[in-house]
Amino acid sequence: MKRFAYICVVILLLAAMLSTLAACKEDERDSLVIYNWADYMFDEDLTDFRDYYRDMTGKNIDITYVTFDTNETMLTRLTKGDSNVDVVCPSEYAIQKLIEMDMLVPMHYFDEEAYRDAFSSAVDLEQYEHYGANVEQGIIGKVSETFGDIEIAQGADVGKHVSMTDYFVPYMYGTLGILYNKYAFMDLGIYDEEILNRANWGILFNNNGEG
């Protein structure tokens, strides 16, 4: 079974960033800390979110946007305990580690009723449109099948079994490929353009270089 590298958006402390509707005042501001891969968002996306947040809550919001280059960098920073992050975008195995360490707040995004119950006390959801049904269900099923129940290993909920699907919203998914320098093959005298152009993953596992 192929294992897809799901890159997912996980919301850690959504309730902390939302509040009840109020009149928009210059001195009434909330804050949001986003920890994301470099080049995943445009500056105008953050501007659009500020406008959306103000429309939804009547408040302005200050956004701190920080990037990381690997899951390991992200995990080290979060597990050191000196970072207060609201939203993070790790890959699937990193989500599992954060769940096991009891560092994520479940959203139940794919159960709209449970989602609304979880956050209705923090924000008036009358204007909110839920898009959980727009996510391809095959992705949700594959995540559930691949990771199964995850046991929380520390914190207040130690020993509890949960599903990763309650903790994330998919952002993108794909597979990894191989890049190679054709000139290095030519220098070795083993480069055949026709063969390599039609080669597939089998080129890693055979001895004669034929795809």
N, C-alpha and C. Protein backbone atom coordinates (compact mmCIF):
# COMPACT_ATOMS: atom_id res chain seq x y z
N MET A 1 0.84 -1.18 0.00
CA MET A 1 0.00 0.00 0.00
C MET A 1 0.88 1.24 0.00
N LYS A 2 0.66 2.13 -0.93
CA LYS A 2 1.44 3.35 -0.97
C LYS A 2 1.01 4.25 0.18
N ARG A 3 1.98 4.91 0.74
CA ARG A 3 1.69 5.83 1.83
C ARG A 3 1.89 7.25 1.32
N PHE A 4 0.81 7.98 1.25
CA PHE A 4 0.87 9.34 0.75
C PHE A 4 1.43 10.26 1.82
N ALA A 5 2.13 11.25 1.36
CA ALA A 5 2.65 12.27 2.29
C ALA A 5 1.62 13.37 2.40
N TYR A 6 0.71 13.22 3.32
CA TYR A 6 -0.35 14.20 3.50
C TYR A 6 0.21 15.42 4.22
N ILE A 7 0.02 16.56 3.63
CA ILE A 7 0.43 17.80 4.25
C ILE A 7 -0.83 18.51 4.67
N CYS A 8 -1.02 18.68 5.93
CA CYS A 8 -2.31 19.08 6.46
C CYS A 8 -2.20 20.31 7.33
N VAL A 9 -3.25 21.03 7.33
CA VAL A 9 -3.34 22.17 8.22
C VAL A 9 -3.97 21.71 9.52
N VAL A 10 -3.29 22.00 10.63
CA VAL A 10 -3.81 21.63 11.94
C VAL A 10 -4.02 22.89 12.75
N ILE A 11 -5.18 23.03 13.32
CA ILE A 11 -5.46 24.18 14.15
C ILE A 11 -5.33 23.77 15.61
N LEU A 12 -4.45 24.44 16.33
CA LEU A 12 -4.15 24.07 17.70
C LEU A 12 -5.10 24.71 18.69
N LEU A 13 -5.24 25.99 18.60
CA LEU A 13 -5.99 26.70 19.62
C LEU A 13 -6.98 27.65 18.96
N LEU A 14 -7.88 27.10 18.16
CA LEU A 14 -8.81 27.92 17.41
C LEU A 14 -9.68 28.75 18.34
N ALA A 15 -10.11 28.15 19.44
CA ALA A 15 -10.99 28.86 20.35
C ALA A 15 -10.31 30.11 20.89
N ALA A 16 -9.00 30.08 21.02
CA ALA A 16 -8.29 31.22 21.58
C ALA A 16 -8.24 32.39 20.61
N MET A 17 -8.40 32.10 19.31
CA MET A 17 -8.29 33.19 18.35
C MET A 17 -9.63 33.79 18.00
N LEU A 18 -10.74 33.15 18.39
CA LEU A 18 -12.06 33.64 18.06
C LEU A 18 -12.74 34.17 19.31
N SER A 19 -13.59 35.15 19.13
CA SER A 19 -14.33 35.69 20.26
C SER A 19 -15.70 36.12 19.78
N THR A 20 -16.58 36.49 20.70
CA THR A 20 -17.94 36.87 20.35
C THR A 20 -17.94 38.16 19.55
N LEU A 21 -19.00 38.33 18.74
CA LEU A 21 -19.11 39.51 17.91
C LEU A 21 -19.16 40.76 18.77
N ALA A 22 -18.44 41.78 18.32
CA ALA A 22 -18.41 43.04 19.05
C ALA A 22 -18.18 44.16 18.06
N ALA A 23 -18.43 45.38 18.47
CA ALA A 23 -18.19 46.53 17.60
C ALA A 23 -16.70 46.63 17.32
N CYS A 24 -16.38 46.94 16.07
CA CYS A 24 -14.98 47.01 15.68
C CYS A 24 -14.35 48.27 16.26
N LYS A 25 -13.31 48.08 17.08
CA LYS A 25 -12.62 49.20 17.69
C LYS A 25 -11.13 49.06 17.44
N GLU A 26 -10.49 50.18 17.25
CA GLU A 26 -9.08 50.18 16.92
C GLU A 26 -8.26 49.56 18.04
N ASP A 27 -8.70 49.73 19.31
CA ASP A 27 -7.92 49.22 20.43
C ASP A 27 -8.36 47.83 20.88
N GLU A 28 -9.31 47.22 20.16
CA GLU A 28 -9.78 45.88 20.50
C GLU A 28 -9.24 44.91 19.47
N ARG A 29 -8.16 44.22 19.83
CA ARG A 29 -7.46 43.39 18.87
C ARG A 29 -7.22 42.00 19.45
N ASP A 30 -7.25 41.01 18.58
CA ASP A 30 -6.84 39.66 18.94
C ASP A 30 -5.51 39.38 18.25
N SER A 31 -4.93 38.25 18.55
CA SER A 31 -3.65 37.88 17.93
C SER A 31 -3.70 36.44 17.46
N LEU A 32 -2.93 36.15 16.45
CA LEU A 32 -2.86 34.81 15.86
C LEU A 32 -1.43 34.53 15.46
N VAL A 33 -0.89 33.39 15.89
CA VAL A 33 0.47 32.99 15.53
C VAL A 33 0.38 31.78 14.60
N ILE A 34 0.90 31.93 13.39
CA ILE A 34 0.88 30.86 12.39
C ILE A 34 2.30 30.37 12.15
N TYR A 35 2.47 29.06 12.16
CA TYR A 35 3.77 28.44 11.92
C TYR A 35 3.61 27.55 10.69
N ASN A 36 4.29 27.88 9.60
CA ASN A 36 3.99 27.26 8.31
C ASN A 36 5.28 27.04 7.51
N TRP A 37 5.17 26.22 6.49
CA TRP A 37 6.27 26.04 5.54
C TRP A 37 6.47 27.33 4.75
N ALA A 38 7.70 27.58 4.36
CA ALA A 38 7.98 28.76 3.53
C ALA A 38 7.27 28.63 2.18
N ASP A 39 6.82 29.74 1.65
CA ASP A 39 6.20 29.82 0.33
C ASP A 39 4.84 29.12 0.23
N TYR A 40 4.20 28.84 1.36
CA TYR A 40 2.89 28.19 1.32
C TYR A 40 1.74 29.18 1.21
N MET A 41 1.98 30.44 1.60
CA MET A 41 0.92 31.43 1.58
C MET A 41 1.46 32.75 1.04
N PHE A 42 0.59 33.49 0.36
CA PHE A 42 0.92 34.82 -0.11
C PHE A 42 0.56 35.84 0.96
N ASP A 43 1.21 36.98 0.91
CA ASP A 43 0.90 38.04 1.87
C ASP A 43 -0.55 38.46 1.77
N GLU A 44 -1.11 38.46 0.56
CA GLU A 44 -2.50 38.88 0.40
C GLU A 44 -3.48 37.90 1.06
N ASP A 45 -3.05 36.64 1.25
CA ASP A 45 -3.91 35.69 1.97
C ASP A 45 -4.10 36.13 3.41
N LEU A 46 -3.03 36.61 4.02
CA LEU A 46 -3.12 37.09 5.39
C LEU A 46 -3.98 38.34 5.48
N THR A 47 -3.85 39.21 4.47
CA THR A 47 -4.69 40.40 4.43
C THR A 47 -6.16 40.03 4.30
N ASP A 48 -6.45 39.07 3.43
CA ASP A 48 -7.84 38.62 3.26
C ASP A 48 -8.38 38.04 4.56
N PHE A 49 -7.53 37.30 5.29
CA PHE A 49 -8.00 36.71 6.54
C PHE A 49 -8.27 37.79 7.59
N ARG A 50 -7.44 38.81 7.63
CA ARG A 50 -7.70 39.91 8.57
C ARG A 50 -9.08 40.53 8.30
N ASP A 51 -9.39 40.72 7.03
CA ASP A 51 -10.69 41.29 6.67
C ASP A 51 -11.82 40.35 7.06
N TYR A 52 -11.64 39.06 6.80
CA TYR A 52 -12.65 38.06 7.13
C TYR A 52 -12.87 38.00 8.64
N TYR A 53 -11.79 38.02 9.38
CA TYR A 53 -11.89 37.95 10.84
C TYR A 53 -12.64 39.16 11.40
N ARG A 54 -12.35 40.32 10.85
CA ARG A 54 -13.04 41.52 11.31
C ARG A 54 -14.53 41.44 10.99
N ASP A 55 -14.87 40.90 9.82
CA ASP A 55 -16.28 40.75 9.46
C ASP A 55 -16.98 39.76 10.37
N MET A 56 -16.27 38.69 10.77
CA MET A 56 -16.88 37.65 11.58
C MET A 56 -17.00 38.03 13.06
N THR A 57 -16.02 38.77 13.57
CA THR A 57 -15.96 39.02 15.02
C THR A 57 -16.13 40.48 15.40
N GLY A 58 -15.99 41.38 14.43
CA GLY A 58 -16.02 42.80 14.76
C GLY A 58 -14.72 43.29 15.35
N LYS A 59 -13.68 42.46 15.31
CA LYS A 59 -12.39 42.83 15.88
C LYS A 59 -11.30 42.81 14.82
N ASN A 60 -10.23 43.56 15.11
CA ASN A 60 -9.02 43.45 14.31
C ASN A 60 -8.15 42.34 14.88
N ILE A 61 -7.23 41.85 14.06
CA ILE A 61 -6.36 40.77 14.52
C ILE A 61 -4.93 41.03 14.05
N ASP A 62 -3.98 40.82 14.94
CA ASP A 62 -2.56 40.90 14.61
C ASP A 62 -2.07 39.49 14.33
N ILE A 63 -1.41 39.31 13.18
CA ILE A 63 -0.93 37.98 12.77
C ILE A 63 0.59 37.95 12.80
N THR A 64 1.11 36.98 13.52
CA THR A 64 2.54 36.70 13.50
C THR A 64 2.75 35.46 12.65
N TYR A 65 3.48 35.61 11.56
CA TYR A 65 3.65 34.52 10.60
C TYR A 65 5.11 34.09 10.58
N VAL A 66 5.37 32.84 11.00
CA VAL A 66 6.73 32.30 11.10
C VAL A 66 6.81 31.05 10.24
N THR A 67 7.94 30.82 9.59
CA THR A 67 8.08 29.66 8.70
C THR A 67 9.15 28.70 9.22
N PHE A 68 9.05 27.44 8.76
CA PHE A 68 10.06 26.43 9.06
C PHE A 68 10.40 25.69 7.78
N ASP A 69 11.55 24.97 7.80
CA ASP A 69 12.00 24.29 6.58
C ASP A 69 11.85 22.78 6.65
N THR A 70 11.73 22.22 7.84
CA THR A 70 11.52 20.77 7.99
C THR A 70 10.57 20.51 9.15
N ASN A 71 9.95 19.34 9.13
CA ASN A 71 9.10 18.95 10.26
C ASN A 71 9.90 18.88 11.55
N GLU A 72 11.14 18.45 11.45
CA GLU A 72 11.95 18.29 12.65
C GLU A 72 12.24 19.65 13.30
N THR A 73 12.50 20.66 12.47
CA THR A 73 12.69 22.01 13.00
C THR A 73 11.44 22.47 13.73
N MET A 74 10.29 22.23 13.11
CA MET A 74 9.02 22.63 13.71
C MET A 74 8.77 21.90 15.02
N LEU A 75 9.00 20.58 15.04
CA LEU A 75 8.76 19.79 16.24
C LEU A 75 9.67 20.22 17.39
N THR A 76 10.93 20.48 17.06
CA THR A 76 11.87 20.91 18.09
C THR A 76 11.42 22.21 18.74
N ARG A 77 11.00 23.14 17.91
CA ARG A 77 10.57 24.43 18.44
C ARG A 77 9.32 24.30 19.31
N LEU A 78 8.37 23.50 18.85
CA LEU A 78 7.12 23.36 19.61
C LEU A 78 7.32 22.59 20.90
N THR A 79 8.12 21.53 20.85
CA THR A 79 8.27 20.68 22.03
C THR A 79 9.18 21.29 23.07
N LYS A 80 9.96 22.32 22.71
CA LYS A 80 10.77 23.01 23.70
C LYS A 80 9.90 23.78 24.69
N GLY A 81 8.67 24.06 24.26
CA GLY A 81 7.74 24.71 25.17
C GLY A 81 7.86 26.21 25.26
N ASP A 82 8.69 26.83 24.42
CA ASP A 82 8.86 28.28 24.49
C ASP A 82 8.16 29.01 23.35
N SER A 83 7.28 28.27 22.62
CA SER A 83 6.57 28.87 21.50
C SER A 83 5.07 28.75 21.72
N ASN A 84 4.37 29.84 21.55
CA ASN A 84 2.92 29.84 21.66
C ASN A 84 2.36 29.94 20.24
N VAL A 85 1.93 28.81 19.70
CA VAL A 85 1.49 28.74 18.30
C VAL A 85 0.01 28.39 18.25
N ASP A 86 -0.73 29.09 17.38
CA ASP A 86 -2.15 28.81 17.23
C ASP A 86 -2.43 27.86 16.07
N VAL A 87 -1.74 28.05 14.95
CA VAL A 87 -1.98 27.24 13.75
C VAL A 87 -0.65 26.75 13.21
N VAL A 88 -0.56 25.46 12.90
CA VAL A 88 0.67 24.90 12.36
C VAL A 88 0.32 23.97 11.21
N CYS A 89 1.24 23.83 10.26
CA CYS A 89 0.99 23.03 9.05
C CYS A 89 2.07 21.96 8.88
N PRO A 90 2.00 20.87 9.63
CA PRO A 90 2.99 19.79 9.51
C PRO A 90 2.55 18.71 8.52
N SER A 91 3.46 17.78 8.24
CA SER A 91 3.11 16.59 7.48
C SER A 91 2.51 15.56 8.42
N GLU A 92 2.01 14.47 7.82
CA GLU A 92 1.17 13.56 8.59
C GLU A 92 1.86 12.92 9.78
N TYR A 93 3.11 12.49 9.64
CA TYR A 93 3.77 11.82 10.77
C TYR A 93 4.04 12.80 11.91
N ALA A 94 4.24 14.07 11.57
CA ALA A 94 4.45 15.08 12.60
C ALA A 94 3.15 15.37 13.35
N ILE A 95 2.03 15.31 12.64
CA ILE A 95 0.73 15.45 13.31
C ILE A 95 0.57 14.34 14.33
N GLN A 96 0.93 13.10 13.94
CA GLN A 96 0.82 11.97 14.86
C GLN A 96 1.64 12.20 16.11
N LYS A 97 2.88 12.68 15.95
CA LYS A 97 3.74 12.93 17.10
C LYS A 97 3.13 13.99 18.02
N LEU A 98 2.58 15.05 17.44
CA LEU A 98 2.00 16.12 18.25
C LEU A 98 0.76 15.64 18.99
N ILE A 99 -0.01 14.76 18.35
CA ILE A 99 -1.18 14.18 19.04
C ILE A 99 -0.73 13.32 20.21
N GLU A 100 0.28 12.48 19.98
CA GLU A 100 0.77 11.61 21.04
C GLU A 100 1.29 12.40 22.24
N MET A 101 1.82 13.60 21.96
CA MET A 101 2.33 14.45 23.04
C MET A 101 1.24 15.35 23.61
N ASP A 102 0.00 15.16 23.16
CA ASP A 102 -1.14 15.92 23.67
C ASP A 102 -0.95 17.43 23.47
N MET A 103 -0.47 17.80 22.27
CA MET A 103 -0.20 19.21 21.99
C MET A 103 -1.22 19.83 21.05
N LEU A 104 -2.21 19.05 20.61
CA LEU A 104 -3.20 19.56 19.67
C LEU A 104 -4.60 19.55 20.27
N VAL A 105 -5.39 20.51 19.87
CA VAL A 105 -6.80 20.57 20.26
C VAL A 105 -7.63 19.99 19.14
N PRO A 106 -8.48 18.99 19.40
CA PRO A 106 -9.30 18.41 18.33
C PRO A 106 -10.33 19.41 17.81
N MET A 107 -10.54 19.39 16.48
CA MET A 107 -11.52 20.28 15.86
C MET A 107 -12.81 19.57 15.50
N HIS A 108 -12.72 18.28 15.18
CA HIS A 108 -13.88 17.52 14.69
C HIS A 108 -14.47 18.20 13.45
N TYR A 109 -13.57 18.65 12.56
CA TYR A 109 -14.01 19.45 11.41
C TYR A 109 -14.95 18.68 10.49
N PHE A 110 -14.81 17.37 10.43
CA PHE A 110 -15.61 16.58 9.50
C PHE A 110 -16.90 16.06 10.13
N ASP A 111 -17.19 16.53 11.32
CA ASP A 111 -18.48 16.32 11.97
C ASP A 111 -18.99 17.73 12.30
N GLU A 112 -19.78 18.31 11.38
CA GLU A 112 -20.15 19.71 11.51
C GLU A 112 -20.84 20.02 12.84
N GLU A 113 -21.70 19.12 13.29
CA GLU A 113 -22.41 19.37 14.54
C GLU A 113 -21.43 19.44 15.71
N ALA A 114 -20.50 18.49 15.75
CA ALA A 114 -19.50 18.48 16.83
C ALA A 114 -18.60 19.70 16.73
N TYR A 115 -18.27 20.09 15.51
CA TYR A 115 -17.41 21.26 15.30
C TYR A 115 -18.09 22.52 15.83
N ARG A 116 -19.36 22.69 15.49
CA ARG A 116 -20.08 23.88 15.94
C ARG A 116 -20.24 23.88 17.46
N ASP A 117 -20.49 22.70 18.03
CA ASP A 117 -20.62 22.61 19.49
C ASP A 117 -19.32 23.00 20.18
N ALA A 118 -18.20 22.62 19.57
CA ALA A 118 -16.90 22.86 20.19
C ALA A 118 -16.56 24.34 20.23
N PHE A 119 -17.03 25.11 19.23
CA PHE A 119 -16.57 26.48 19.12
C PHE A 119 -17.67 27.53 19.20
N SER A 120 -18.91 27.11 19.38
CA SER A 120 -20.02 28.06 19.41
C SER A 120 -19.94 29.00 20.61
N SER A 121 -19.28 28.56 21.69
CA SER A 121 -19.17 29.42 22.86
C SER A 121 -18.12 30.51 22.67
N ALA A 122 -17.25 30.35 21.67
CA ALA A 122 -16.18 31.31 21.45
C ALA A 122 -16.52 32.33 20.37
N VAL A 123 -17.42 32.00 19.48
CA VAL A 123 -17.75 32.91 18.38
C VAL A 123 -19.18 32.67 17.92
N ASP A 124 -19.83 33.71 17.47
CA ASP A 124 -21.16 33.59 16.88
C ASP A 124 -21.01 33.01 15.48
N LEU A 125 -21.47 31.78 15.29
CA LEU A 125 -21.27 31.09 14.01
C LEU A 125 -22.41 31.32 13.02
N GLU A 126 -23.24 32.28 13.28
CA GLU A 126 -24.38 32.54 12.40
C GLU A 126 -23.93 32.85 10.98
N GLN A 127 -22.83 33.57 10.85
CA GLN A 127 -22.32 33.95 9.52
C GLN A 127 -21.38 32.90 8.93
N TYR A 128 -21.04 31.89 9.72
CA TYR A 128 -20.01 30.93 9.32
C TYR A 128 -20.56 29.90 8.34
N GLU A 129 -19.81 29.64 7.26
CA GLU A 129 -20.15 28.60 6.29
C GLU A 129 -19.16 27.45 6.45
N HIS A 130 -19.68 26.25 6.63
CA HIS A 130 -18.83 25.09 6.86
C HIS A 130 -18.56 24.38 5.54
N TYR A 131 -17.28 24.07 5.27
CA TYR A 131 -16.90 23.49 3.99
C TYR A 131 -16.33 22.08 4.12
N GLY A 132 -16.61 21.42 5.22
CA GLY A 132 -16.08 20.08 5.42
C GLY A 132 -16.48 19.10 4.33
N ALA A 133 -17.68 19.28 3.77
CA ALA A 133 -18.15 18.37 2.73
C ALA A 133 -17.39 18.53 1.42
N ASN A 134 -16.64 19.62 1.28
CA ASN A 134 -15.88 19.85 0.05
C ASN A 134 -14.58 19.04 0.00
N VAL A 135 -14.18 18.47 1.11
CA VAL A 135 -12.94 17.70 1.16
C VAL A 135 -13.20 16.30 0.63
N GLU A 136 -12.36 15.84 -0.26
CA GLU A 136 -12.49 14.51 -0.84
C GLU A 136 -12.48 13.45 0.28
N GLN A 137 -13.56 12.69 0.38
CA GLN A 137 -13.69 11.72 1.46
C GLN A 137 -12.65 10.60 1.38
N GLY A 138 -12.15 10.35 0.17
CA GLY A 138 -11.12 9.33 0.03
C GLY A 138 -9.86 9.68 0.80
N ILE A 139 -9.56 10.98 0.89
CA ILE A 139 -8.39 11.42 1.65
C ILE A 139 -8.60 11.16 3.13
N ILE A 140 -9.79 11.50 3.61
CA ILE A 140 -10.10 11.28 5.03
C ILE A 140 -10.04 9.80 5.35
N GLY A 141 -10.59 8.97 4.46
CA GLY A 141 -10.56 7.53 4.67
C GLY A 141 -9.15 6.97 4.67
N LYS A 142 -8.30 7.49 3.77
CA LYS A 142 -6.92 7.00 3.69
C LYS A 142 -6.14 7.35 4.95
N VAL A 143 -6.34 8.57 5.47
CA VAL A 143 -5.67 8.96 6.70
C VAL A 143 -6.11 8.04 7.84
N SER A 144 -7.41 7.80 7.95
CA SER A 144 -7.93 6.94 9.01
C SER A 144 -7.39 5.53 8.89
N GLU A 145 -7.35 5.02 7.65
CA GLU A 145 -6.86 3.66 7.41
C GLU A 145 -5.38 3.53 7.73
N THR A 146 -4.60 4.53 7.35
CA THR A 146 -3.15 4.47 7.52
C THR A 146 -2.72 4.59 8.97
N PHE A 147 -3.35 5.50 9.72
CA PHE A 147 -2.88 5.78 11.07
C PHE A 147 -3.73 5.14 12.15
N GLY A 148 -4.97 4.77 11.83
CA GLY A 148 -5.82 4.12 12.82
C GLY A 148 -6.00 4.96 14.08
N ASP A 149 -6.20 4.27 15.20
CA ASP A 149 -6.31 4.97 16.47
C ASP A 149 -4.91 5.38 16.95
N ILE A 150 -4.81 6.60 17.44
CA ILE A 150 -3.55 7.10 17.98
C ILE A 150 -3.71 7.24 19.49
N GLU A 151 -2.77 6.69 20.23
CA GLU A 151 -2.85 6.76 21.69
C GLU A 151 -2.07 7.95 22.21
N ILE A 152 -2.73 8.78 22.99
CA ILE A 152 -2.07 9.93 23.60
C ILE A 152 -1.16 9.41 24.72
N ALA A 153 0.12 9.79 24.67
CA ALA A 153 1.11 9.20 25.57
C ALA A 153 1.44 10.06 26.77
N GLN A 154 0.97 11.29 26.77
CA GLN A 154 1.28 12.15 27.91
C GLN A 154 0.20 13.22 28.06
N GLY A 155 0.24 13.93 29.16
CA GLY A 155 -0.75 14.97 29.39
C GLY A 155 -1.99 14.45 30.10
N ALA A 156 -3.01 15.30 30.14
CA ALA A 156 -4.22 14.98 30.89
C ALA A 156 -4.99 13.81 30.30
N ASP A 157 -4.85 13.59 28.99
CA ASP A 157 -5.62 12.53 28.32
C ASP A 157 -4.77 11.30 28.01
N VAL A 158 -3.72 11.07 28.78
CA VAL A 158 -2.84 9.93 28.53
C VAL A 158 -3.65 8.63 28.49
N GLY A 159 -3.33 7.79 27.48
CA GLY A 159 -4.02 6.52 27.32
C GLY A 159 -5.25 6.60 26.44
N LYS A 160 -5.72 7.78 26.15
CA LYS A 160 -6.91 7.95 25.33
C LYS A 160 -6.57 7.67 23.86
N HIS A 161 -7.47 6.99 23.15
CA HIS A 161 -7.28 6.70 21.74
C HIS A 161 -8.13 7.66 20.91
N VAL A 162 -7.50 8.30 19.93
CA VAL A 162 -8.19 9.30 19.11
C VAL A 162 -7.88 9.05 17.64
N SER A 163 -8.62 9.72 16.77
CA SER A 163 -8.40 9.61 15.33
C SER A 163 -7.75 10.90 14.82
N MET A 164 -6.76 10.74 13.95
CA MET A 164 -6.11 11.91 13.38
C MET A 164 -7.10 12.80 12.63
N THR A 165 -8.16 12.20 12.08
CA THR A 165 -9.11 12.97 11.29
C THR A 165 -9.85 14.02 12.11
N ASP A 166 -9.79 13.92 13.43
CA ASP A 166 -10.42 14.92 14.29
C ASP A 166 -9.52 16.13 14.52
N TYR A 167 -8.29 16.07 14.03
CA TYR A 167 -7.31 17.09 14.38
C TYR A 167 -6.81 17.92 13.20
N PHE A 168 -7.29 17.69 12.01
CA PHE A 168 -6.67 18.36 10.87
C PHE A 168 -7.69 18.70 9.78
N VAL A 169 -7.26 19.61 8.91
CA VAL A 169 -7.95 19.88 7.64
C VAL A 169 -6.91 19.74 6.55
N PRO A 170 -7.11 18.87 5.56
CA PRO A 170 -6.09 18.67 4.53
C PRO A 170 -5.83 19.93 3.72
N TYR A 171 -4.58 20.15 3.42
CA TYR A 171 -4.18 21.28 2.59
C TYR A 171 -3.73 20.82 1.21
N MET A 172 -2.90 19.79 1.17
CA MET A 172 -2.48 19.21 -0.11
C MET A 172 -1.94 17.81 0.17
N TYR A 173 -1.83 17.01 -0.88
CA TYR A 173 -1.18 15.72 -0.72
C TYR A 173 -0.50 15.36 -2.03
N GLY A 174 0.44 14.43 -1.94
CA GLY A 174 1.16 14.05 -3.15
C GLY A 174 2.15 12.94 -2.84
N THR A 175 3.00 12.66 -3.79
CA THR A 175 4.04 11.65 -3.61
C THR A 175 5.40 12.27 -3.87
N LEU A 176 6.44 11.63 -3.35
CA LEU A 176 7.80 12.10 -3.57
C LEU A 176 8.38 11.45 -4.81
N GLY A 177 9.22 12.18 -5.50
CA GLY A 177 9.88 11.63 -6.69
C GLY A 177 11.39 11.72 -6.57
N ILE A 178 12.08 11.39 -7.65
CA ILE A 178 13.54 11.40 -7.66
C ILE A 178 14.01 12.35 -8.75
N LEU A 179 14.95 13.20 -8.38
CA LEU A 179 15.62 14.06 -9.36
C LEU A 179 17.05 13.57 -9.52
N TYR A 180 17.57 13.65 -10.72
CA TYR A 180 18.95 13.23 -10.92
C TYR A 180 19.62 14.16 -11.91
N ASN A 181 20.92 14.22 -11.81
CA ASN A 181 21.75 15.04 -12.71
C ASN A 181 22.19 14.17 -13.88
N LYS A 182 21.62 14.43 -15.05
CA LYS A 182 21.91 13.56 -16.20
C LYS A 182 23.38 13.64 -16.61
N TYR A 183 24.03 14.77 -16.31
CA TYR A 183 25.44 14.90 -16.70
C TYR A 183 26.33 13.99 -15.85
N ALA A 184 25.92 13.73 -14.62
CA ALA A 184 26.68 12.80 -13.78
C ALA A 184 26.61 11.40 -14.38
N PHE A 185 25.42 11.02 -14.91
CA PHE A 185 25.29 9.72 -15.57
C PHE A 185 26.15 9.67 -16.83
N MET A 186 26.18 10.76 -17.57
CA MET A 186 26.97 10.80 -18.81
C MET A 186 28.46 10.65 -18.48
N ASP A 187 28.90 11.31 -17.40
CA ASP A 187 30.31 11.20 -17.01
C ASP A 187 30.69 9.77 -16.65
N LEU A 188 29.71 9.02 -16.12
CA LEU A 188 29.96 7.63 -15.75
C LEU A 188 29.83 6.68 -16.94
N GLY A 189 29.38 7.21 -18.06
CA GLY A 189 29.23 6.39 -19.26
C GLY A 189 28.03 5.47 -19.22
N ILE A 190 27.05 5.75 -18.36
CA ILE A 190 25.89 4.86 -18.25
C ILE A 190 24.59 5.60 -18.56
N TYR A 191 24.72 6.77 -19.17
CA TYR A 191 23.51 7.54 -19.46
C TYR A 191 22.97 7.16 -20.83
N ASP A 192 21.74 6.71 -20.86
CA ASP A 192 21.04 6.43 -22.11
C ASP A 192 19.72 7.19 -22.06
N GLU A 193 19.60 8.27 -22.80
CA GLU A 193 18.45 9.16 -22.70
C GLU A 193 17.14 8.44 -22.97
N GLU A 194 17.10 7.57 -23.94
CA GLU A 194 15.86 6.87 -24.29
C GLU A 194 15.40 5.97 -23.14
N ILE A 195 16.35 5.24 -22.55
CA ILE A 195 16.00 4.34 -21.45
C ILE A 195 15.52 5.12 -20.23
N LEU A 196 16.28 6.14 -19.86
CA LEU A 196 15.94 6.88 -18.65
C LEU A 196 14.64 7.66 -18.80
N ASN A 197 14.33 8.10 -20.01
CA ASN A 197 13.09 8.84 -20.22
C ASN A 197 11.86 7.96 -20.04
N ARG A 198 11.98 6.67 -20.27
CA ARG A 198 10.83 5.79 -20.10
C ARG A 198 10.93 4.96 -18.82
N ALA A 199 11.96 5.22 -18.03
CA ALA A 199 12.16 4.46 -16.80
C ALA A 199 11.14 4.89 -15.75
N ASN A 200 10.81 3.97 -14.87
CA ASN A 200 9.93 4.28 -13.75
C ASN A 200 10.65 3.89 -12.46
N TRP A 201 9.89 3.67 -11.38
CA TRP A 201 10.52 3.34 -10.10
C TRP A 201 11.36 2.06 -10.18
N GLY A 202 11.09 1.23 -11.16
CA GLY A 202 11.84 -0.02 -11.28
C GLY A 202 13.33 0.18 -11.51
N ILE A 203 13.71 1.39 -11.96
CA ILE A 203 15.13 1.63 -12.21
C ILE A 203 15.96 1.51 -10.93
N LEU A 204 15.30 1.62 -9.78
CA LEU A 204 16.01 1.49 -8.51
C LEU A 204 16.28 0.05 -8.14
N PHE A 205 15.55 -0.87 -8.77
CA PHE A 205 15.55 -2.25 -8.26
C PHE A 205 16.04 -3.27 -9.28
N ASN A 206 16.49 -2.83 -10.45
CA ASN A 206 17.00 -3.81 -11.41
C ASN A 206 18.48 -3.55 -11.68
N ASN A 207 19.09 -4.48 -12.39
CA ASN A 207 20.53 -4.41 -12.60
C ASN A 207 20.95 -3.98 -14.00
N ASN A 208 19.99 -3.96 -14.94
CA ASN A 208 20.39 -3.68 -16.32
C ASN A 208 20.01 -2.29 -16.79
N GLY A 209 19.41 -1.47 -15.92
CA GLY A 209 19.12 -0.09 -16.28
C GLY A 209 17.90 0.08 -17.15
N GLU A 210 17.18 -0.99 -17.44
CA GLU A 210 15.99 -0.88 -18.29
C GLU A 210 14.77 -0.65 -17.42
N GLY A 211 13.88 0.33 -17.84
CA GLY A 211 12.70 0.64 -17.06
C GLY A 211 11.63 -0.41 -17.25
